[in-house]
Amino acid sequence: MQVLVIEDEADVRSNIVEILGSGGFQSLDAGNGRAGLELAKVHHPDLILCDIKMPDVDGYDVLQAIRHDPLTATIPFIFLTAKTDRAELRQGMNLGADAI
């Protein structure tokens, strides 16, 4: 299974990739939303794990672009976030996230 990790904080991204690797998952990683979208289009991962709060292209923008592209629309998408505000979590689910 190939997992795309989109996270702008390098240390956090590295830890997630390491944890996934120890579980036998292959990972791709992107340091921003724009790079993550490109990787998703080229590699069609089995799962996308994405931070919400990122500069330029945030996680909500990434999710909307993923869901609007027929090539990536069915890829399971999970937000990884420290956000706890219910309205923000609901927004992610309303946009089509599979989990937060």
PDB file of N, CA and C in Angstrom:
ATOM      1  N   MET A   1       0.845  -1.178   0.000  1.00  0.00           N
ATOM      2  CA  MET A   1       0.000   0.000   0.000  1.00  0.00           C
ATOM      3  C   MET A   1       0.885   1.234   0.000  1.00  0.00           C
ATOM      4  N   GLN A   2       0.551   2.176  -0.864  1.00  0.00           N
ATOM      5  CA  GLN A   2       1.325   3.406  -0.965  1.00  0.00           C
ATOM      6  C   GLN A   2       0.518   4.565  -0.359  1.00  0.00           C
ATOM      7  N   VAL A   3       1.151   5.283   0.560  1.00  0.00           N
ATOM      8  CA  VAL A   3       0.511   6.388   1.259  1.00  0.00           C
ATOM      9  C   VAL A   3       1.233   7.684   0.911  1.00  0.00           C
ATOM     10  N   LEU A   4       0.459   8.702   0.541  1.00  0.00           N
ATOM     11  CA  LEU A   4       1.005  10.032   0.300  1.00  0.00           C
ATOM     12  C   LEU A   4       0.804  10.861   1.551  1.00  0.00           C
ATOM     13  N   VAL A   5       1.895  11.379   2.100  1.00  0.00           N
ATOM     14  CA  VAL A   5       1.861  12.220   3.293  1.00  0.00           C
ATOM     15  C   VAL A   5       2.137  13.660   2.855  1.00  0.00           C
ATOM     16  N   ILE A   6       1.174  14.550   3.126  1.00  0.00           N
ATOM     17  CA  ILE A   6       1.326  15.967   2.785  1.00  0.00           C
ATOM     18  C   ILE A   6       1.358  16.742   4.097  1.00  0.00           C
ATOM     19  N   GLU A   7       2.525  17.276   4.426  1.00  0.00           N
ATOM     20  CA  GLU A   7       2.746  17.955   5.713  1.00  0.00           C
ATOM     21  C   GLU A   7       3.862  18.961   5.532  1.00  0.00           C
ATOM     22  N   ASP A   8       3.623  20.215   5.923  1.00  0.00           N
ATOM     23  CA  ASP A   8       4.623  21.254   5.697  1.00  0.00           C
ATOM     24  C   ASP A   8       5.737  21.264   6.743  1.00  0.00           C
ATOM     25  N   GLU A   9       5.535  20.671   7.894  1.00  0.00           N
ATOM     26  CA  GLU A   9       6.589  20.618   8.913  1.00  0.00           C
ATOM     27  C   GLU A   9       7.443  19.377   8.677  1.00  0.00           C
ATOM     28  N   ALA A  10       8.701  19.602   8.320  1.00  0.00           N
ATOM     29  CA  ALA A  10       9.592  18.508   7.912  1.00  0.00           C
ATOM     30  C   ALA A  10       9.744  17.429   8.983  1.00  0.00           C
ATOM     31  N   ASP A  11       9.900  17.825  10.247  1.00  0.00           N
ATOM     32  CA  ASP A  11      10.078  16.832  11.317  1.00  0.00           C
ATOM     33  C   ASP A  11       8.832  15.959  11.480  1.00  0.00           C
ATOM     34  N   VAL A  12       7.675  16.579  11.432  1.00  0.00           N
ATOM     35  CA  VAL A  12       6.423  15.836  11.563  1.00  0.00           C
ATOM     36  C   VAL A  12       6.260  14.886  10.377  1.00  0.00           C
ATOM     37  N   ARG A  13       6.512  15.401   9.185  1.00  0.00           N
ATOM     38  CA  ARG A  13       6.409  14.591   7.966  1.00  0.00           C
ATOM     39  C   ARG A  13       7.355  13.397   8.030  1.00  0.00           C
ATOM     40  N   SER A  14       8.580  13.634   8.440  1.00  0.00           N
ATOM     41  CA  SER A  14       9.575  12.569   8.544  1.00  0.00           C
ATOM     42  C   SER A  14       9.139  11.497   9.547  1.00  0.00           C
ATOM     43  N   ASN A  15       8.594  11.914  10.683  1.00  0.00           N
ATOM     44  CA  ASN A  15       8.129  10.959  11.690  1.00  0.00           C
ATOM     45  C   ASN A  15       6.976  10.106  11.161  1.00  0.00           C
ATOM     46  N   ILE A  16       6.051  10.729  10.461  1.00  0.00           N
ATOM     47  CA  ILE A  16       4.913   9.987   9.912  1.00  0.00           C
ATOM     48  C   ILE A  16       5.399   8.954   8.904  1.00  0.00           C
ATOM     49  N   VAL A  17       6.296   9.372   8.018  1.00  0.00           N
ATOM     50  CA  VAL A  17       6.844   8.456   7.009  1.00  0.00           C
ATOM     51  C   VAL A  17       7.580   7.300   7.681  1.00  0.00           C
ATOM     52  N   GLU A  18       8.318   7.593   8.727  1.00  0.00           N
ATOM     53  CA  GLU A  18       9.052   6.545   9.451  1.00  0.00           C
ATOM     54  C   GLU A  18       8.093   5.548  10.106  1.00  0.00           C
ATOM     55  N   ILE A  19       7.055   6.061  10.727  1.00  0.00           N
ATOM     56  CA  ILE A  19       6.063   5.192  11.374  1.00  0.00           C
ATOM     57  C   ILE A  19       5.369   4.320  10.328  1.00  0.00           C
ATOM     58  N   LEU A  20       4.993   4.913   9.214  1.00  0.00           N
ATOM     59  CA  LEU A  20       4.354   4.140   8.148  1.00  0.00           C
ATOM     60  C   LEU A  20       5.295   3.055   7.616  1.00  0.00           C
ATOM     61  N   GLY A  21       6.569   3.419   7.441  1.00  0.00           N
ATOM     62  CA  GLY A  21       7.555   2.453   6.961  1.00  0.00           C
ATOM     63  C   GLY A  21       7.720   1.289   7.905  1.00  0.00           C
ATOM     64  N   SER A  22       7.705   1.564   9.209  1.00  0.00           N
ATOM     65  CA  SER A  22       7.849   0.478  10.182  1.00  0.00           C
ATOM     66  C   SER A  22       6.639  -0.453  10.168  1.00  0.00           C
ATOM     67  N   GLY A  23       5.533   0.041   9.637  1.00  0.00           N
ATOM     68  CA  GLY A  23       4.337  -0.784   9.508  1.00  0.00           C
ATOM     69  C   GLY A  23       4.228  -1.467   8.160  1.00  0.00           C
ATOM     70  N   GLY A  24       5.256  -1.305   7.329  1.00  0.00           N
ATOM     71  CA  GLY A  24       5.271  -1.971   6.038  1.00  0.00           C
ATOM     72  C   GLY A  24       4.651  -1.184   4.898  1.00  0.00           C
ATOM     73  N   PHE A  25       4.345   0.089   5.133  1.00  0.00           N
ATOM     74  CA  PHE A  25       3.750   0.920   4.094  1.00  0.00           C
ATOM     75  C   PHE A  25       4.829   1.644   3.304  1.00  0.00           C
ATOM     76  N   GLN A  26       4.616   1.789   2.023  1.00  0.00           N
ATOM     77  CA  GLN A  26       5.481   2.619   1.189  1.00  0.00           C
ATOM     78  C   GLN A  26       4.912   4.034   1.250  1.00  0.00           C
ATOM     79  N   SER A  27       5.783   5.029   1.345  1.00  0.00           N
ATOM     80  CA  SER A  27       5.309   6.400   1.456  1.00  0.00           C
ATOM     81  C   SER A  27       5.917   7.304   0.403  1.00  0.00           C
ATOM     82  N   LEU A  28       5.107   8.243  -0.019  1.00  0.00           N
ATOM     83  CA  LEU A  28       5.557   9.406  -0.771  1.00  0.00           C
ATOM     84  C   LEU A  28       5.338  10.568   0.170  1.00  0.00           C
ATOM     85  N   ASP A  29       6.159  11.602   0.080  1.00  0.00           N
ATOM     86  CA  ASP A  29       5.901  12.736   0.959  1.00  0.00           C
ATOM     87  C   ASP A  29       6.082  14.048   0.221  1.00  0.00           C
ATOM     88  N   ALA A  30       5.276  15.005   0.627  1.00  0.00           N
ATOM     89  CA  ALA A  30       5.292  16.334   0.031  1.00  0.00           C
ATOM     90  C   ALA A  30       5.300  17.371   1.141  1.00  0.00           C
ATOM     91  N   GLY A  31       6.085  18.422   0.958  1.00  0.00           N
ATOM     92  CA  GLY A  31       6.219  19.477   1.950  1.00  0.00           C
ATOM     93  C   GLY A  31       5.215  20.592   1.821  1.00  0.00           C
ATOM     94  N   ASN A  32       4.326  20.511   0.825  1.00  0.00           N
ATOM     95  CA  ASN A  32       3.277  21.521   0.686  1.00  0.00           C
ATOM     96  C   ASN A  32       2.137  20.952  -0.154  1.00  0.00           C
ATOM     97  N   GLY A  33       1.021  21.655  -0.142  1.00  0.00           N
ATOM     98  CA  GLY A  33      -0.161  21.178  -0.846  1.00  0.00           C
ATOM     99  C   GLY A  33       0.013  21.063  -2.343  1.00  0.00           C
ATOM    100  N   ARG A  34       0.671  22.019  -2.936  1.00  0.00           N
ATOM    101  CA  ARG A  34       0.864  22.006  -4.392  1.00  0.00           C
ATOM    102  C   ARG A  34       1.677  20.775  -4.826  1.00  0.00           C
ATOM    103  N   ALA A  35       2.767  20.494  -4.118  1.00  0.00           N
ATOM    104  CA  ALA A  35       3.588  19.323  -4.429  1.00  0.00           C
ATOM    105  C   ALA A  35       2.798  18.040  -4.180  1.00  0.00           C
ATOM    106  N   GLY A  36       1.989  18.018  -3.140  1.00  0.00           N
ATOM    107  CA  GLY A  36       1.170  16.856  -2.845  1.00  0.00           C
ATOM    108  C   GLY A  36       0.171  16.561  -3.951  1.00  0.00           C
ATOM    109  N   LEU A  37      -0.440  17.603  -4.493  1.00  0.00           N
ATOM    110  CA  LEU A  37      -1.385  17.409  -5.596  1.00  0.00           C
ATOM    111  C   LEU A  37      -0.695  16.809  -6.810  1.00  0.00           C
ATOM    112  N   GLU A  38       0.492  17.286  -7.113  1.00  0.00           N
ATOM    113  CA  GLU A  38       1.233  16.746  -8.257  1.00  0.00           C
ATOM    114  C   GLU A  38       1.577  15.273  -8.050  1.00  0.00           C
ATOM    115  N   LEU A  39       2.040  14.933  -6.838  1.00  0.00           N
ATOM    116  CA  LEU A  39       2.357  13.533  -6.545  1.00  0.00           C
ATOM    117  C   LEU A  39       1.119  12.647  -6.636  1.00  0.00           C
ATOM    118  N   ALA A  40      -0.012  13.146  -6.163  1.00  0.00           N
ATOM    119  CA  ALA A  40      -1.247  12.367  -6.222  1.00  0.00           C
ATOM    120  C   ALA A  40      -1.648  12.084  -7.664  1.00  0.00           C
ATOM    121  N   LYS A  41      -1.510  13.071  -8.524  1.00  0.00           N
ATOM    122  CA  LYS A  41      -1.874  12.894  -9.936  1.00  0.00           C
ATOM    123  C   LYS A  41      -0.948  11.914 -10.648  1.00  0.00           C
ATOM    124  N   VAL A  42       0.320  11.942 -10.325  1.00  0.00           N
ATOM    125  CA  VAL A  42       1.306  11.091 -11.001  1.00  0.00           C
ATOM    126  C   VAL A  42       1.290   9.662 -10.452  1.00  0.00           C
ATOM    127  N   HIS A  43       1.196   9.499  -9.131  1.00  0.00           N
ATOM    128  CA  HIS A  43       1.379   8.194  -8.499  1.00  0.00           C
ATOM    129  C   HIS A  43       0.096   7.482  -8.074  1.00  0.00           C
ATOM    130  N   HIS A  44      -1.021   8.192  -8.012  1.00  0.00           N
ATOM    131  CA  HIS A  44      -2.296   7.603  -7.592  1.00  0.00           C
ATOM    132  C   HIS A  44      -2.128   6.726  -6.348  1.00  0.00           C
ATOM    133  N   PRO A  45      -1.774   7.332  -5.209  1.00  0.00           N
ATOM    134  CA  PRO A  45      -1.549   6.541  -3.991  1.00  0.00           C
ATOM    135  C   PRO A  45      -2.839   5.862  -3.519  1.00  0.00           C
ATOM    136  N   ASP A  46      -2.685   4.888  -2.648  1.00  0.00           N
ATOM    137  CA  ASP A  46      -3.829   4.176  -2.093  1.00  0.00           C
ATOM    138  C   ASP A  46      -4.528   4.971  -0.992  1.00  0.00           C
ATOM    139  N   LEU A  47      -3.798   5.923  -0.399  1.00  0.00           N
ATOM    140  CA  LEU A  47      -4.317   6.726   0.702  1.00  0.00           C
ATOM    141  C   LEU A  47      -3.549   8.036   0.750  1.00  0.00           C
ATOM    142  N   ILE A  48      -4.257   9.119   1.117  1.00  0.00           N
ATOM    143  CA  ILE A  48      -3.603  10.416   1.325  1.00  0.00           C
ATOM    144  C   ILE A  48      -3.819  10.838   2.769  1.00  0.00           C
ATOM    145  N   LEU A  49      -2.722  11.158   3.460  1.00  0.00           N
ATOM    146  CA  LEU A  49      -2.752  11.747   4.796  1.00  0.00           C
ATOM    147  C   LEU A  49      -2.292  13.187   4.635  1.00  0.00           C
ATOM    148  N   CYS A  50      -3.117  14.136   5.072  1.00  0.00           N
ATOM    149  CA  CYS A  50      -2.819  15.539   4.773  1.00  0.00           C
ATOM    150  C   CYS A  50      -3.072  16.446   5.972  1.00  0.00           C
ATOM    151  N   ASP A  51      -2.132  17.342   6.213  1.00  0.00           N
ATOM    152  CA  ASP A  51      -2.306  18.382   7.220  1.00  0.00           C
ATOM    153  C   ASP A  51      -3.335  19.383   6.696  1.00  0.00           C
ATOM    154  N   ILE A  52      -4.009  20.086   7.585  1.00  0.00           N
ATOM    155  CA  ILE A  52      -4.961  21.116   7.161  1.00  0.00           C
ATOM    156  C   ILE A  52      -4.252  22.454   7.005  1.00  0.00           C
ATOM    157  N   LYS A  53      -3.552  22.880   8.044  1.00  0.00           N
ATOM    158  CA  LYS A  53      -2.969  24.217   8.053  1.00  0.00           C
ATOM    159  C   LYS A  53      -1.589  24.206   7.396  1.00  0.00           C
ATOM    160  N   MET A  54      -1.565  24.697   6.153  1.00  0.00           N
ATOM    161  CA  MET A  54      -0.315  24.820   5.397  1.00  0.00           C
ATOM    162  C   MET A  54      -0.379  26.130   4.630  1.00  0.00           C
ATOM    163  N   PRO A  55       0.768  26.754   4.387  1.00  0.00           N
ATOM    164  CA  PRO A  55       0.763  27.998   3.619  1.00  0.00           C
ATOM    165  C   PRO A  55       0.419  27.742   2.153  1.00  0.00           C
ATOM    166  N   ASP A  56      -0.052  28.757   1.483  1.00  0.00           N
ATOM    167  CA  ASP A  56      -0.352  28.743   0.048  1.00  0.00           C
ATOM    168  C   ASP A  56      -1.551  27.856  -0.259  1.00  0.00           C
ATOM    169  N   VAL A  57      -1.365  26.567  -0.388  1.00  0.00           N
ATOM    170  CA  VAL A  57      -2.451  25.620  -0.662  1.00  0.00           C
ATOM    171  C   VAL A  57      -2.672  24.808   0.606  1.00  0.00           C
ATOM    172  N   ASP A  58      -3.771  25.108   1.327  1.00  0.00           N
ATOM    173  CA  ASP A  58      -4.000  24.390   2.586  1.00  0.00           C
ATOM    174  C   ASP A  58      -4.671  23.043   2.328  1.00  0.00           C
ATOM    175  N   GLY A  59      -4.863  22.286   3.387  1.00  0.00           N
ATOM    176  CA  GLY A  59      -5.429  20.953   3.259  1.00  0.00           C
ATOM    177  C   GLY A  59      -6.827  20.936   2.664  1.00  0.00           C
ATOM    178  N   TYR A  60      -7.649  21.946   2.986  1.00  0.00           N
ATOM    179  CA  TYR A  60      -8.989  22.016   2.410  1.00  0.00           C
ATOM    180  C   TYR A  60      -8.909  22.170   0.893  1.00  0.00           C
ATOM    181  N   ASP A  61      -7.984  23.024   0.443  1.00  0.00           N
ATOM    182  CA  ASP A  61      -7.790  23.210  -1.004  1.00  0.00           C
ATOM    183  C   ASP A  61      -7.309  21.918  -1.664  1.00  0.00           C
ATOM    184  N   VAL A  62      -6.411  21.210  -0.985  1.00  0.00           N
ATOM    185  CA  VAL A  62      -5.913  19.937  -1.511  1.00  0.00           C
ATOM    186  C   VAL A  62      -7.075  18.956  -1.662  1.00  0.00           C
ATOM    187  N   LEU A  63      -7.884  18.829  -0.621  1.00  0.00           N
ATOM    188  CA  LEU A  63      -9.010  17.899  -0.661  1.00  0.00           C
ATOM    189  C   LEU A  63      -9.978  18.236  -1.791  1.00  0.00           C
ATOM    190  N   GLN A  64     -10.308  19.519  -1.937  1.00  0.00           N
ATOM    191  CA  GLN A  64     -11.228  19.914  -3.010  1.00  0.00           C
ATOM    192  C   GLN A  64     -10.655  19.564  -4.380  1.00  0.00           C
ATOM    193  N   ALA A  65      -9.380  19.821  -4.585  1.00  0.00           N
ATOM    194  CA  ALA A  65      -8.753  19.505  -5.874  1.00  0.00           C
ATOM    195  C   ALA A  65      -8.733  17.997  -6.110  1.00  0.00           C
ATOM    196  N   ILE A  66      -8.441  17.221  -5.077  1.00  0.00           N
ATOM    197  CA  ILE A  66      -8.419  15.763  -5.187  1.00  0.00           C
ATOM    198  C   ILE A  66      -9.805  15.245  -5.565  1.00  0.00           C
ATOM    199  N   ARG A  67     -10.833  15.738  -4.898  1.00  0.00           N
ATOM    200  CA  ARG A  67     -12.197  15.265  -5.134  1.00  0.00           C
ATOM    201  C   ARG A  67     -12.759  15.717  -6.486  1.00  0.00           C
ATOM    202  N   HIS A  68     -12.255  16.813  -7.032  1.00  0.00           N
ATOM    203  CA  HIS A  68     -12.758  17.314  -8.316  1.00  0.00           C
ATOM    204  C   HIS A  68     -12.042  16.732  -9.527  1.00  0.00           C
ATOM    205  N   ASP A  69     -10.973  16.006  -9.310  1.00  0.00           N
ATOM    206  CA  ASP A  69     -10.224  15.393 -10.412  1.00  0.00           C
ATOM    207  C   ASP A  69     -10.646  13.925 -10.514  1.00  0.00           C
ATOM    208  N   PRO A  70     -11.231  13.524 -11.654  1.00  0.00           N
ATOM    209  CA  PRO A  70     -11.682  12.133 -11.790  1.00  0.00           C
ATOM    210  C   PRO A  70     -10.574  11.098 -11.571  1.00  0.00           C
ATOM    211  N   LEU A  71      -9.316  11.466 -11.811  1.00  0.00           N
ATOM    212  CA  LEU A  71      -8.210  10.535 -11.633  1.00  0.00           C
ATOM    213  C   LEU A  71      -7.884  10.276 -10.161  1.00  0.00           C
ATOM    214  N   THR A  72      -8.246  11.215  -9.287  1.00  0.00           N
ATOM    215  CA  THR A  72      -7.897  11.094  -7.871  1.00  0.00           C
ATOM    216  C   THR A  72      -9.110  11.105  -6.934  1.00  0.00           C
ATOM    217  N   ALA A  73     -10.286  11.297  -7.479  1.00  0.00           N
ATOM    218  CA  ALA A  73     -11.488  11.521  -6.661  1.00  0.00           C
ATOM    219  C   ALA A  73     -11.809  10.402  -5.686  1.00  0.00           C
ATOM    220  N   THR A  74     -11.427   9.185  -6.003  1.00  0.00           N
ATOM    221  CA  THR A  74     -11.798   8.057  -5.139  1.00  0.00           C
ATOM    222  C   THR A  74     -10.703   7.640  -4.152  1.00  0.00           C
ATOM    223  N   ILE A  75      -9.593   8.351  -4.147  1.00  0.00           N
ATOM    224  CA  ILE A  75      -8.517   8.025  -3.207  1.00  0.00           C
ATOM    225  C   ILE A  75      -8.974   8.378  -1.789  1.00  0.00           C
ATOM    226  N   PRO A  76      -8.924   7.436  -0.857  1.00  0.00           N
ATOM    227  CA  PRO A  76      -9.271   7.766   0.533  1.00  0.00           C
ATOM    228  C   PRO A  76      -8.365   8.889   1.056  1.00  0.00           C
ATOM    229  N   PHE A  77      -8.962   9.826   1.788  1.00  0.00           N
ATOM    230  CA  PHE A  77      -8.279  11.039   2.222  1.00  0.00           C
ATOM    231  C   PHE A  77      -8.540  11.240   3.704  1.00  0.00           C
ATOM    232  N   ILE A  78      -7.460  11.342   4.478  1.00  0.00           N
ATOM    233  CA  ILE A  78      -7.566  11.560   5.921  1.00  0.00           C
ATOM    234  C   ILE A  78      -6.783  12.812   6.290  1.00  0.00           C
ATOM    235  N   PHE A  79      -7.445  13.705   7.019  1.00  0.00           N
ATOM    236  CA  PHE A  79      -6.748  14.875   7.542  1.00  0.00           C
ATOM    237  C   PHE A  79      -6.016  14.507   8.817  1.00  0.00           C
ATOM    238  N   LEU A  80      -4.763  14.953   8.932  1.00  0.00           N
ATOM    239  CA  LEU A  80      -3.993  14.872  10.165  1.00  0.00           C
ATOM    240  C   LEU A  80      -3.884  16.295  10.677  1.00  0.00           C
ATOM    241  N   THR A  81      -4.397  16.552  11.860  1.00  0.00           N
ATOM    242  CA  THR A  81      -4.400  17.920  12.347  1.00  0.00           C
ATOM    243  C   THR A  81      -4.453  17.974  13.867  1.00  0.00           C
ATOM    244  N   ALA A  82      -3.979  19.070  14.392  1.00  0.00           N
ATOM    245  CA  ALA A  82      -4.094  19.324  15.825  1.00  0.00           C
ATOM    246  C   ALA A  82      -5.342  20.163  16.117  1.00  0.00           C
ATOM    247  N   LYS A  83      -6.070  20.517  15.068  1.00  0.00           N
ATOM    248  CA  LYS A  83      -7.275  21.329  15.247  1.00  0.00           C
ATOM    249  C   LYS A  83      -8.312  20.550  16.049  1.00  0.00           C
ATOM    250  N   THR A  84      -9.018  21.263  16.914  1.00  0.00           N
ATOM    251  CA  THR A  84     -10.066  20.627  17.701  1.00  0.00           C
ATOM    252  C   THR A  84     -11.404  21.345  17.568  1.00  0.00           C
ATOM    253  N   ASP A  85     -11.442  22.434  16.824  1.00  0.00           N
ATOM    254  CA  ASP A  85     -12.676  23.189  16.639  1.00  0.00           C
ATOM    255  C   ASP A  85     -13.654  22.363  15.795  1.00  0.00           C
ATOM    256  N   ARG A  86     -14.834  22.119  16.344  1.00  0.00           N
ATOM    257  CA  ARG A  86     -15.809  21.268  15.647  1.00  0.00           C
ATOM    258  C   ARG A  86     -16.188  21.806  14.272  1.00  0.00           C
ATOM    259  N   ALA A  87     -16.293  23.112  14.140  1.00  0.00           N
ATOM    260  CA  ALA A  87     -16.668  23.697  12.841  1.00  0.00           C
ATOM    261  C   ALA A  87     -15.599  23.395  11.795  1.00  0.00           C
ATOM    262  N   GLU A  88     -14.341  23.479  12.176  1.00  0.00           N
ATOM    263  CA  GLU A  88     -13.260  23.186  11.237  1.00  0.00           C
ATOM    264  C   GLU A  88     -13.228  21.704  10.880  1.00  0.00           C
ATOM    265  N   LEU A  89     -13.464  20.832  11.857  1.00  0.00           N
ATOM    266  CA  LEU A  89     -13.506  19.402  11.590  1.00  0.00           C
ATOM    267  C   LEU A  89     -14.694  19.061  10.689  1.00  0.00           C
ATOM    268  N   ARG A  90     -15.840  19.672  10.969  1.00  0.00           N
ATOM    269  CA  ARG A  90     -17.031  19.449  10.150  1.00  0.00           C
ATOM    270  C   ARG A  90     -16.790  19.921   8.718  1.00  0.00           C
ATOM    271  N   GLN A  91     -16.082  21.039   8.561  1.00  0.00           N
ATOM    272  CA  GLN A  91     -15.777  21.546   7.226  1.00  0.00           C
ATOM    273  C   GLN A  91     -15.007  20.503   6.416  1.00  0.00           C
ATOM    274  N   GLY A  92     -14.032  19.870   7.030  1.00  0.00           N
ATOM    275  CA  GLY A  92     -13.265  18.836   6.343  1.00  0.00           C
ATOM    276  C   GLY A  92     -14.131  17.667   5.923  1.00  0.00           C
ATOM    277  N   MET A  93     -15.009  17.237   6.795  1.00  0.00           N
ATOM    278  CA  MET A  93     -15.896  16.123   6.454  1.00  0.00           C
ATOM    279  C   MET A  93     -16.885  16.528   5.354  1.00  0.00           C
ATOM    280  N   ASN A  94     -17.390  17.767   5.424  1.00  0.00           N
ATOM    281  CA  ASN A  94     -18.316  18.248   4.389  1.00  0.00           C
ATOM    282  C   ASN A  94     -17.657  18.355   3.022  1.00  0.00           C
ATOM    283  N   LEU A  95     -16.344  18.573   3.003  1.00  0.00           N
ATOM    284  CA  LEU A  95     -15.625  18.648   1.733  1.00  0.00           C
ATOM    285  C   LEU A  95     -15.301  17.265   1.158  1.00  0.00           C
ATOM    286  N   GLY A  96     -15.526  16.235   1.960  1.00  0.00           N
ATOM    287  CA  GLY A  96     -15.325  14.882   1.442  1.00  0.00           C
ATOM    288  C   GLY A  96     -14.193  14.099   2.063  1.00  0.00           C
ATOM    289  N   ALA A  97     -13.647  14.561   3.180  1.00  0.00           N
ATOM    290  CA  ALA A  97     -12.607  13.782   3.860  1.00  0.00           C
ATOM    291  C   ALA A  97     -13.214  12.488   4.371  1.00  0.00           C
ATOM    292  N   ASP A  98     -12.444  11.419   4.347  1.00  0.00           N
ATOM    293  CA  ASP A  98     -12.913  10.145   4.843  1.00  0.00           C
ATOM    294  C   ASP A  98     -12.777  10.054   6.360  1.00  0.00           C
ATOM    295  N   ALA A  99     -11.838  10.805   6.918  1.00  0.00           N
ATOM    296  CA  ALA A  99     -11.649  10.825   8.375  1.00  0.00           C
ATOM    297  C   ALA A  99     -10.787  12.024   8.746  1.00  0.00           C
ATOM    298  N   ILE A 100     -10.888  12.416  10.006  1.00  0.00           N
ATOM    299  CA  ILE A 100     -10.055  13.501  10.522  1.00  0.00           C
ATOM    300  C   ILE A 100      -9.475  13.042  11.841  1.00  0.00           C
TER     301      ILE A 100
END
